[in-house]
Amino acid sequence: MRLSVAMIVKNEAAALGHGLASIRGLWDELVVLDTGSTDGTPDLARSFGARVEAFAWVDDFAAARNAGLALCTGDWVLVLDADEAVDPADHARLRAACGEGGPAAYRLPIRNYLRSGAFVGKDGAARRNDARYAEGSGSSHFYLQKAVRLFRNLGVPVYRGRVHELVEPYFEEQGLPMADLEATIHHFGKLDMARDRSKQAAYFRLALAEAAARPGDLQLQYNVIQEGLLVEAWAEVLRAAECFRDRAPRAPMLVWLGGGLALQGLGRYEESLPWFASILAQKPGSAAALGARAESLWRLGRIPEAQEDYLAALEAEPGYTLPFLKLASLLEETPDLAGARGVLEAGLDQNPRDATLWEALVGLAAKYRDPRVARDALDALRAVPDGGKTVWHQIVVHALRGAGDEANAAAILEQGLKAFPGDPELRALLRPEAGPP
């Protein structure tokens, strides 16, 4: 059985090389459909042996995916994005799945790597990274989802959806069997949240237009919720969540969570509570729902209940770090600065590489002129060397120079300029006589 790998790309030169290197020796055919790159992406793909073809973008991811599939000649197709990779440990498992008999398609786990556990995906809250793969081992957390990415090449268009394109509906309608396969896809796009957010407005526009054209399709309403939450389009998310709930009362978790978060965003905290209660009725230990309900209770002035929910969320899923951050903010507001610091330290005990928790701890110390701020910043740099957006480096450099330790100050400054090349605030700390490190 021959295996084709199919990708659609645009201006992905910075990420694509890693992904293509990770699948060397896995494929029999590599097909890359380029939708208008101007950064050398096509040439990079060709250097890895890819067949590269151009495709005029038509605001439709399914159309692009199907055009790429039409170029594939393998018996099986593995679909990847430019910012994804496959660990060599799973190559043999993927090849073995491409047999004559058995399922027509496989759902693969996708690890979406994060710099912080303060994130909820459509299938649940972020998890601490168990580092069982070399791929992604440098990230503190990921959120897990499953999707069909490996399937028989049927020679017909199988993808549907202008955004969040899927093949599952086609295989279900045709009665073709699907199964789970423990061969992980590693996704790194969420590590650069600024770049990721820049894409979301376009994705949300596509999701909204498609749902408006077919309002009865609940999958399309789900897409609006998923994308709308990322761009904080609260009114549209609420409408989609209400539409889904009214037609399918046993809606997925993200529908109920999205409706409640949208009501929070609109300042309607009391109305949000039943939405979170619906999740907790089915899953009492849902940290995402407990933390979200705590936020509403806090804003309603019901502080003891909010604290109780936050603590329950921390106990239920200590790898989900948003409740640590929120509870610390609540305690700071009380004010209970020692309690706020204690919560952040407890979060870091559980999640020692969480960049957002470190930012909160250093920020709290700096805000209230805590003498521990320099030590906190140094500990943060040891845990997350490229974190802090240069602030941690600046704090430590000033503290070391104040203590007369010029050698270690220079070493921290050098580390900062490697992580943030050319940063003007770091460069301003260079000693004229020393020159650039």
Protein backbone atom coordinates (compact mmCIF):
# COMPACT_ATOMS: atom_id res chain seq x y z
CA MET A 1 0.00 0.00 0.00
CA ARG A 2 1.37 3.43 -1.00
CA LEU A 3 0.94 6.38 1.36
CA SER A 4 0.48 9.95 0.17
CA VAL A 5 0.89 12.91 2.51
CA ALA A 6 -1.30 15.87 1.50
CA MET A 7 -0.88 19.45 2.71
CA ILE A 8 -2.24 22.90 1.87
CA VAL A 9 0.08 25.81 2.68
CA LYS A 10 0.53 29.56 2.41
CA ASN A 11 3.57 31.50 3.65
CA GLU A 12 4.69 28.75 6.01
CA ALA A 13 8.43 28.83 5.40
CA ALA A 14 9.15 29.38 9.09
CA ALA A 15 7.28 26.25 10.22
CA LEU A 16 7.21 23.89 7.24
CA GLY A 17 10.78 22.61 7.40
CA HIS A 18 10.28 21.08 10.84
CA GLY A 19 7.14 19.25 9.78
CA LEU A 20 8.59 17.91 6.54
CA ALA A 21 11.76 16.75 8.29
CA SER A 22 9.61 14.84 10.79
CA ILE A 23 7.99 12.71 8.06
CA ARG A 24 11.12 11.76 6.11
CA GLY A 25 10.89 8.07 5.26
CA LEU A 26 7.17 7.87 6.05
CA TRP A 27 5.56 8.74 2.73
CA ASP A 28 5.66 7.37 -0.79
CA GLU A 29 4.31 10.63 -2.20
CA LEU A 30 4.25 14.16 -0.79
CA VAL A 31 1.69 16.55 -2.32
CA VAL A 32 1.75 20.20 -1.30
CA LEU A 33 -0.92 22.58 -2.57
CA ASP A 34 0.20 26.21 -2.31
CA THR A 35 -2.50 28.88 -2.09
CA GLY A 36 -0.39 31.95 -2.82
CA SER A 37 2.88 31.97 -0.87
CA THR A 38 5.34 34.83 -1.26
CA ASP A 39 7.99 33.67 1.23
CA GLY A 40 9.64 30.76 -0.57
CA THR A 41 7.37 28.06 0.84
CA PRO A 42 7.00 26.20 -2.50
CA ASP A 43 10.77 25.95 -3.02
CA LEU A 44 11.23 24.72 0.54
CA ALA A 45 8.63 22.01 -0.02
CA ARG A 46 10.28 20.94 -3.28
CA SER A 47 13.64 20.63 -1.50
CA PHE A 48 12.04 17.87 0.61
CA GLY A 49 10.85 16.02 -2.51
CA ALA A 50 7.30 17.35 -2.66
CA ARG A 51 5.16 17.73 -5.71
CA VAL A 52 4.00 21.35 -5.39
CA GLU A 53 0.99 22.71 -7.26
CA ALA A 54 -0.64 26.15 -7.11
CA PHE A 55 -4.27 26.64 -6.11
CA ALA A 56 -6.27 29.86 -6.28
CA TRP A 57 -7.76 30.40 -2.82
CA VAL A 58 -11.59 30.56 -2.85
CA ASP A 59 -12.32 31.08 0.88
CA ASP A 60 -13.06 27.38 1.30
CA PHE A 61 -10.76 24.99 3.13
CA ALA A 62 -12.68 21.90 1.99
CA ALA A 63 -12.28 22.96 -1.65
CA ALA A 64 -8.52 23.29 -1.16
CA ARG A 65 -8.24 19.97 0.68
CA ASN A 66 -10.21 18.15 -2.03
CA ALA A 67 -8.07 19.72 -4.75
CA GLY A 68 -4.99 18.40 -2.98
CA LEU A 69 -6.51 14.94 -2.60
CA ALA A 70 -7.25 14.87 -6.31
CA LEU A 71 -3.49 15.03 -6.95
CA CYS A 72 -2.69 12.10 -4.66
CA THR A 73 -2.00 8.71 -6.23
CA GLY A 74 -1.36 6.68 -3.07
CA ASP A 75 -3.71 4.02 -1.70
CA TRP A 76 -3.91 5.91 1.58
CA VAL A 77 -3.69 9.61 2.43
CA LEU A 78 -2.34 11.25 5.58
CA VAL A 79 -3.42 14.91 5.86
CA LEU A 80 -1.14 17.34 7.70
CA ASP A 81 -0.84 21.09 8.19
CA ALA A 82 2.38 23.03 7.77
CA ASP A 83 2.79 23.56 11.52
CA GLU A 84 2.32 19.89 12.37
CA ALA A 85 4.76 17.01 12.75
CA VAL A 86 4.84 13.24 13.29
CA ASP A 87 7.24 11.71 15.78
CA PRO A 88 9.43 8.92 14.32
CA ALA A 89 8.10 6.66 17.08
CA ASP A 90 4.75 6.55 15.25
CA HIS A 91 5.97 6.04 11.67
CA ALA A 92 5.73 2.25 11.78
CA ARG A 93 2.28 2.38 13.39
CA LEU A 94 0.99 4.63 10.61
CA ARG A 95 2.45 2.45 7.87
CA ALA A 96 1.03 -0.71 9.45
CA ALA A 97 -2.45 0.84 9.49
CA CYS A 98 -2.37 1.29 5.70
CA GLY A 99 -3.38 -2.27 4.94
CA GLU A 100 -5.73 -4.05 2.57
CA GLY A 101 -8.43 -4.84 5.10
CA GLY A 102 -9.74 -3.10 8.19
CA PRO A 103 -11.21 0.39 8.57
CA ALA A 104 -11.48 2.91 5.79
CA ALA A 105 -10.31 5.77 8.00
CA TYR A 106 -8.55 6.42 11.28
CA ARG A 107 -9.10 9.07 13.95
CA LEU A 108 -5.72 10.27 15.19
CA PRO A 109 -5.01 12.12 18.44
CA ILE A 110 -3.78 15.67 17.85
CA ARG A 111 -1.69 17.34 20.52
CA ASN A 112 -2.02 21.12 20.29
CA TYR A 113 0.99 22.40 22.21
CA LEU A 114 0.73 25.44 24.48
CA ARG A 115 2.99 27.66 26.59
CA SER A 116 0.41 27.65 29.37
CA GLY A 117 -2.35 25.44 30.73
CA ALA A 118 -4.82 28.36 30.86
CA PHE A 119 -6.70 27.13 27.80
CA VAL A 120 -9.84 25.14 26.99
CA GLY A 121 -10.16 23.31 23.68
CA LYS A 122 -13.29 21.83 22.20
CA ASP A 123 -12.63 18.48 23.88
CA GLY A 124 -11.68 19.81 27.30
CA ALA A 125 -9.12 21.74 29.31
CA ALA A 126 -5.38 21.80 28.71
CA ARG A 127 -3.26 18.96 30.07
CA ARG A 128 0.26 18.91 31.43
CA ASN A 129 2.66 17.59 28.83
CA ASP A 130 3.73 14.06 29.72
CA ALA A 131 6.71 14.39 27.32
CA ARG A 132 6.26 10.83 26.09
CA TYR A 133 7.28 12.05 22.63
CA ALA A 134 10.41 13.90 21.59
CA GLU A 135 8.16 16.09 19.45
CA GLY A 136 6.64 18.80 21.63
CA SER A 137 8.62 17.87 24.72
CA GLY A 138 9.66 21.49 25.24
CA SER A 139 6.08 22.66 25.76
CA SER A 140 4.46 22.73 29.17
CA HIS A 141 0.92 21.78 28.10
CA PHE A 142 -1.27 20.63 25.24
CA TYR A 143 -4.95 20.18 24.61
CA LEU A 144 -6.02 16.99 22.94
CA GLN A 145 -8.51 16.45 20.16
CA LYS A 146 -9.18 13.63 17.71
CA ALA A 147 -9.91 13.85 14.02
CA VAL A 148 -9.80 11.62 10.95
CA ARG A 149 -6.50 12.37 9.24
CA LEU A 150 -5.56 8.98 7.75
CA PHE A 151 -7.94 7.38 5.25
CA ARG A 152 -8.17 5.35 2.09
CA ASN A 153 -7.82 7.33 -1.12
CA LEU A 154 -11.30 6.92 -2.56
CA GLY A 155 -10.70 9.15 -5.57
CA VAL A 156 -13.64 11.43 -4.71
CA PRO A 157 -13.99 14.73 -2.77
CA VAL A 158 -14.47 13.76 0.87
CA TYR A 159 -13.94 17.04 2.72
CA ARG A 160 -16.81 19.35 3.72
CA GLY A 161 -16.84 22.74 5.38
CA ARG A 162 -15.42 26.11 4.43
CA VAL A 163 -13.67 26.20 7.82
CA HIS A 164 -12.95 23.33 10.25
CA GLU A 165 -13.25 21.05 7.25
CA LEU A 166 -14.13 17.43 8.02
CA VAL A 167 -14.18 14.06 6.29
CA GLU A 168 -16.15 12.26 9.02
CA PRO A 169 -19.61 13.13 7.62
CA TYR A 170 -18.75 11.60 4.24
CA PHE A 171 -17.47 8.33 5.71
CA GLU A 172 -20.48 8.10 8.05
CA GLU A 173 -22.96 8.65 5.22
CA GLN A 174 -21.25 6.03 3.07
CA GLY A 175 -21.22 3.53 5.91
CA LEU A 176 -17.44 3.25 5.77
CA PRO A 177 -15.87 2.08 9.05
CA MET A 178 -13.65 4.38 11.07
CA ALA A 179 -11.42 3.46 14.01
CA ASP A 180 -9.04 5.09 16.49
CA LEU A 181 -5.31 4.80 15.93
CA GLU A 182 -2.78 5.78 18.59
CA ALA A 183 -0.41 7.61 16.27
CA THR A 184 -0.18 11.25 17.30
CA ILE A 185 -0.06 14.41 15.22
CA HIS A 186 1.87 17.19 16.93
CA HIS A 187 0.54 20.71 16.29
CA PHE A 188 2.69 23.73 17.15
CA GLY A 189 0.55 26.60 15.82
CA LYS A 190 -0.81 27.57 19.26
CA LEU A 191 2.68 28.29 20.59
CA ASP A 192 2.62 31.59 18.68
CA MET A 193 -0.70 32.87 19.95
CA ALA A 194 -0.33 36.28 18.30
CA ARG A 195 0.04 34.68 14.87
CA ASP A 196 -2.73 32.22 15.65
CA ARG A 197 -5.13 35.01 16.64
CA SER A 198 -4.34 36.88 13.44
CA LYS A 199 -5.92 33.98 11.53
CA GLN A 200 -9.02 33.73 13.69
CA ALA A 201 -10.86 36.77 12.32
CA ALA A 202 -10.79 35.26 8.83
CA TYR A 203 -11.81 31.83 10.13
CA PHE A 204 -14.70 33.35 12.08
CA ARG A 205 -15.89 35.23 9.00
CA LEU A 206 -15.96 31.99 7.00
CA ALA A 207 -17.74 30.12 9.80
CA LEU A 208 -20.37 32.84 10.16
CA ALA A 209 -21.06 33.01 6.41
CA GLU A 210 -21.41 29.25 6.07
CA ALA A 211 -23.73 29.00 9.10
CA ALA A 212 -25.89 31.83 7.76
CA ALA A 213 -26.26 29.99 4.44
CA ARG A 214 -27.27 26.74 6.19
CA PRO A 215 -28.68 27.66 9.61
CA GLY A 216 -30.07 24.18 10.22
CA ASP A 217 -26.64 22.52 10.11
CA LEU A 218 -25.57 22.17 13.74
CA GLN A 219 -21.95 21.46 12.84
CA LEU A 220 -21.80 24.92 11.28
CA GLN A 221 -23.30 26.49 14.41
CA TYR A 222 -20.64 24.64 16.39
CA ASN A 223 -17.95 26.16 14.16
CA VAL A 224 -19.31 29.64 14.91
CA ILE A 225 -19.07 28.94 18.64
CA GLN A 226 -15.54 27.57 18.36
CA GLU A 227 -14.19 30.45 16.29
CA GLY A 228 -16.34 33.14 17.91
CA LEU A 229 -14.96 32.38 21.36
CA LEU A 230 -11.43 33.04 20.09
CA VAL A 231 -12.35 36.50 18.74
CA GLU A 232 -14.80 37.30 21.58
CA ALA A 233 -17.79 37.72 19.26
CA TRP A 234 -20.15 37.23 22.19
CA ALA A 235 -23.49 37.99 20.54
CA GLU A 236 -22.83 35.62 17.63
CA VAL A 237 -21.55 32.87 19.94
CA LEU A 238 -24.66 33.16 22.11
CA ARG A 239 -26.99 32.96 19.10
CA ALA A 240 -25.19 29.87 17.78
CA ALA A 241 -25.17 28.21 21.21
CA GLU A 242 -28.88 28.87 21.72
CA CYS A 243 -29.64 27.52 18.24
CA PHE A 244 -27.65 24.34 18.92
CA ARG A 245 -29.15 23.86 22.40
CA ASP A 246 -32.72 24.32 21.20
CA ARG A 247 -32.32 21.68 18.49
CA ALA A 248 -30.07 19.26 20.37
CA PRO A 249 -30.46 19.49 24.16
CA ARG A 250 -27.69 16.91 24.64
CA ALA A 251 -25.21 19.29 23.08
CA PRO A 252 -21.41 18.91 23.37
CA MET A 253 -19.60 20.55 26.28
CA LEU A 254 -18.29 23.47 24.21
CA VAL A 255 -21.84 24.53 23.29
CA TRP A 256 -22.82 24.95 26.95
CA LEU A 257 -19.48 26.47 27.89
CA GLY A 258 -19.61 28.82 24.90
CA GLY A 259 -23.11 30.01 25.73
CA GLY A 260 -22.12 30.73 29.32
CA LEU A 261 -18.90 32.49 28.38
CA ALA A 262 -20.76 34.60 25.83
CA LEU A 263 -23.23 35.70 28.51
CA GLN A 264 -20.29 36.58 30.75
CA GLY A 265 -18.79 38.62 27.94
CA LEU A 266 -22.09 40.47 27.63
CA GLY A 267 -22.14 41.15 31.38
CA ARG A 268 -25.12 38.83 31.99
CA TYR A 269 -23.53 36.80 34.79
CA GLU A 270 -26.70 35.51 36.45
CA GLU A 271 -27.99 34.16 33.13
CA SER A 272 -24.71 32.34 32.52
CA LEU A 273 -25.02 30.11 35.61
CA PRO A 274 -27.52 27.57 34.16
CA TRP A 275 -25.25 26.99 31.17
CA PHE A 276 -22.35 25.94 33.39
CA ALA A 277 -24.72 23.94 35.61
CA SER A 278 -25.73 21.89 32.57
CA ILE A 279 -22.11 20.74 32.15
CA LEU A 280 -21.67 20.04 35.85
CA ALA A 281 -24.84 17.96 35.96
CA GLN A 282 -23.19 15.55 33.54
CA LYS A 283 -19.60 15.98 34.71
CA PRO A 284 -19.35 17.36 38.27
CA GLY A 285 -15.57 17.48 38.09
CA SER A 286 -15.30 19.61 34.95
CA ALA A 287 -12.61 22.14 35.83
CA ALA A 288 -13.56 24.30 32.83
CA ALA A 289 -17.18 24.58 34.01
CA LEU A 290 -16.25 25.04 37.68
CA GLY A 291 -13.79 27.79 36.83
CA ALA A 292 -16.24 29.52 34.50
CA ARG A 293 -19.04 29.40 37.08
CA ALA A 294 -16.65 30.78 39.70
CA GLU A 295 -16.02 33.79 37.45
CA SER A 296 -19.75 34.57 37.32
CA LEU A 297 -20.17 34.09 41.06
CA TRP A 298 -17.22 36.42 41.67
CA ARG A 299 -18.72 39.14 39.47
CA LEU A 300 -22.05 38.70 41.26
CA GLY A 301 -20.34 39.32 44.59
CA ARG A 302 -20.77 35.75 45.81
CA ILE A 303 -17.12 35.49 46.84
CA PRO A 304 -17.17 32.42 49.15
CA GLU A 305 -19.00 30.38 46.50
CA ALA A 306 -16.57 31.56 43.83
CA GLN A 307 -13.60 30.55 45.96
CA GLU A 308 -15.15 27.14 46.57
CA ASP A 309 -15.60 26.54 42.85
CA TYR A 310 -12.06 27.68 42.04
CA LEU A 311 -10.63 25.34 44.66
CA ALA A 312 -12.73 22.46 43.31
CA ALA A 313 -11.43 23.19 39.80
CA LEU A 314 -7.82 23.15 41.02
CA GLU A 315 -8.35 19.81 42.70
CA ALA A 316 -10.19 18.28 39.75
CA GLU A 317 -7.64 19.18 37.05
CA PRO A 318 -4.45 20.77 38.42
CA GLY A 319 -2.97 20.87 34.92
CA TYR A 320 -5.62 23.43 33.90
CA THR A 321 -4.04 26.63 35.18
CA LEU A 322 -6.68 29.29 34.49
CA PRO A 323 -8.38 28.72 37.90
CA PHE A 324 -5.03 29.33 39.65
CA LEU A 325 -4.70 32.65 37.82
CA LYS A 326 -8.30 33.68 38.47
CA LEU A 327 -8.28 32.73 42.16
CA ALA A 328 -5.03 34.66 42.63
CA SER A 329 -6.66 37.73 41.05
CA LEU A 330 -9.70 37.36 43.30
CA LEU A 331 -7.51 37.15 46.41
CA GLU A 332 -5.45 40.14 45.30
CA GLU A 333 -8.67 42.11 44.99
CA THR A 334 -9.80 41.06 48.51
CA PRO A 335 -6.94 42.06 49.29
CA ASP A 336 -5.00 39.00 50.39
CA LEU A 337 -1.62 39.33 48.72
CA ALA A 338 -0.07 36.46 50.65
CA GLY A 339 -2.95 34.21 49.61
CA ALA A 340 -2.67 35.32 45.98
CA ARG A 341 1.04 34.54 45.94
CA GLY A 342 0.42 31.20 47.63
CA VAL A 343 -2.08 30.18 44.96
CA LEU A 344 0.36 31.06 42.16
CA GLU A 345 3.17 29.17 43.88
CA ALA A 346 0.88 26.16 44.29
CA GLY A 347 0.08 26.34 40.58
CA LEU A 348 3.77 26.39 39.72
CA ASP A 349 4.41 23.42 41.98
CA GLN A 350 1.97 21.52 39.76
CA ASN A 351 2.96 23.22 36.47
CA PRO A 352 6.59 24.36 36.78
CA ARG A 353 6.98 25.39 33.12
CA ASP A 354 3.73 27.34 32.74
CA ALA A 355 4.72 30.71 31.27
CA THR A 356 1.49 32.50 32.24
CA LEU A 357 1.74 31.46 35.90
CA TRP A 358 5.30 32.77 36.02
CA GLU A 359 4.19 36.03 34.41
CA ALA A 360 1.51 36.40 37.07
CA LEU A 361 3.91 35.67 39.96
CA VAL A 362 6.61 38.06 38.74
CA GLY A 363 3.96 40.66 37.90
CA LEU A 364 2.43 40.43 41.38
CA ALA A 365 5.83 40.84 43.04
CA ALA A 366 6.74 43.78 40.81
CA LYS A 367 3.39 45.52 41.32
CA TYR A 368 3.69 45.53 45.09
CA ARG A 369 7.48 46.02 45.20
CA ASP A 370 8.04 42.64 46.78
CA PRO A 371 11.80 42.19 47.40
CA ARG A 372 11.48 38.66 46.02
CA VAL A 373 10.78 39.95 42.50
CA ALA A 374 14.33 39.46 41.20
CA ARG A 375 14.49 35.93 42.55
CA ASP A 376 11.07 35.20 41.04
CA ALA A 377 12.20 36.53 37.66
CA LEU A 378 15.37 34.44 37.76
CA ASP A 379 13.40 31.31 38.67
CA ALA A 380 11.01 32.10 35.82
CA LEU A 381 13.89 32.33 33.34
CA ARG A 382 15.28 29.02 34.52
CA ALA A 383 11.90 27.39 33.90
CA VAL A 384 10.98 29.24 30.67
CA PRO A 385 14.17 30.76 29.16
CA ASP A 386 12.34 32.52 26.34
CA GLY A 387 9.44 33.78 28.45
CA GLY A 388 8.55 37.11 30.00
CA LYS A 389 8.77 39.16 26.79
CA THR A 390 12.17 40.54 28.00
CA VAL A 391 10.71 41.87 31.29
CA TRP A 392 12.22 39.03 33.34
CA HIS A 393 15.61 39.54 31.77
CA GLN A 394 15.51 43.27 32.52
CA ILE A 395 14.55 42.72 36.17
CA VAL A 396 17.34 40.21 36.73
CA VAL A 397 19.99 42.27 34.93
CA HIS A 398 19.18 45.36 37.02
CA ALA A 399 19.22 43.31 40.25
CA LEU A 400 22.54 41.65 39.45
CA ARG A 401 24.15 44.93 38.50
CA GLY A 402 22.82 46.48 41.68
CA ALA A 403 24.57 43.70 43.57
CA GLY A 404 27.80 44.29 41.62
CA ASP A 405 27.58 40.98 39.76
CA GLU A 406 28.39 42.23 36.28
CA ALA A 407 29.44 38.82 34.92
CA ASN A 408 26.11 37.11 35.60
CA ALA A 409 24.21 40.20 34.47
CA ALA A 410 26.00 39.99 31.12
CA ALA A 411 25.16 36.28 30.85
CA ILE A 412 21.45 36.94 31.45
CA LEU A 413 21.51 39.79 28.95
CA GLU A 414 23.11 37.54 26.36
CA GLN A 415 20.44 34.90 26.99
CA GLY A 416 17.75 37.55 26.52
CA LEU A 417 19.15 38.79 23.23
CA LYS A 418 19.30 35.23 21.93
CA ALA A 419 15.63 34.74 22.78
CA PHE A 420 14.60 38.22 21.57
CA PRO A 421 17.17 39.29 18.95
CA GLY A 422 17.51 43.02 18.50
CA ASP A 423 15.05 43.94 21.27
CA PRO A 424 15.62 47.68 21.89
CA GLU A 425 15.02 47.54 25.66
CA LEU A 426 17.57 44.77 26.09
CA ARG A 427 20.05 46.43 23.76
CA ALA A 428 19.75 49.59 25.84
CA LEU A 429 21.18 47.60 28.77
CA LEU A 430 24.40 46.80 26.92
CA ARG A 431 27.49 48.36 28.48
CA PRO A 432 29.09 50.60 25.83
CA GLU A 433 32.52 49.23 26.63
CA ALA A 434 31.38 45.62 26.35
CA GLY A 435 29.89 45.69 22.86
CA PRO A 436 27.20 43.26 21.75
CA PRO A 437 27.31 39.86 23.48
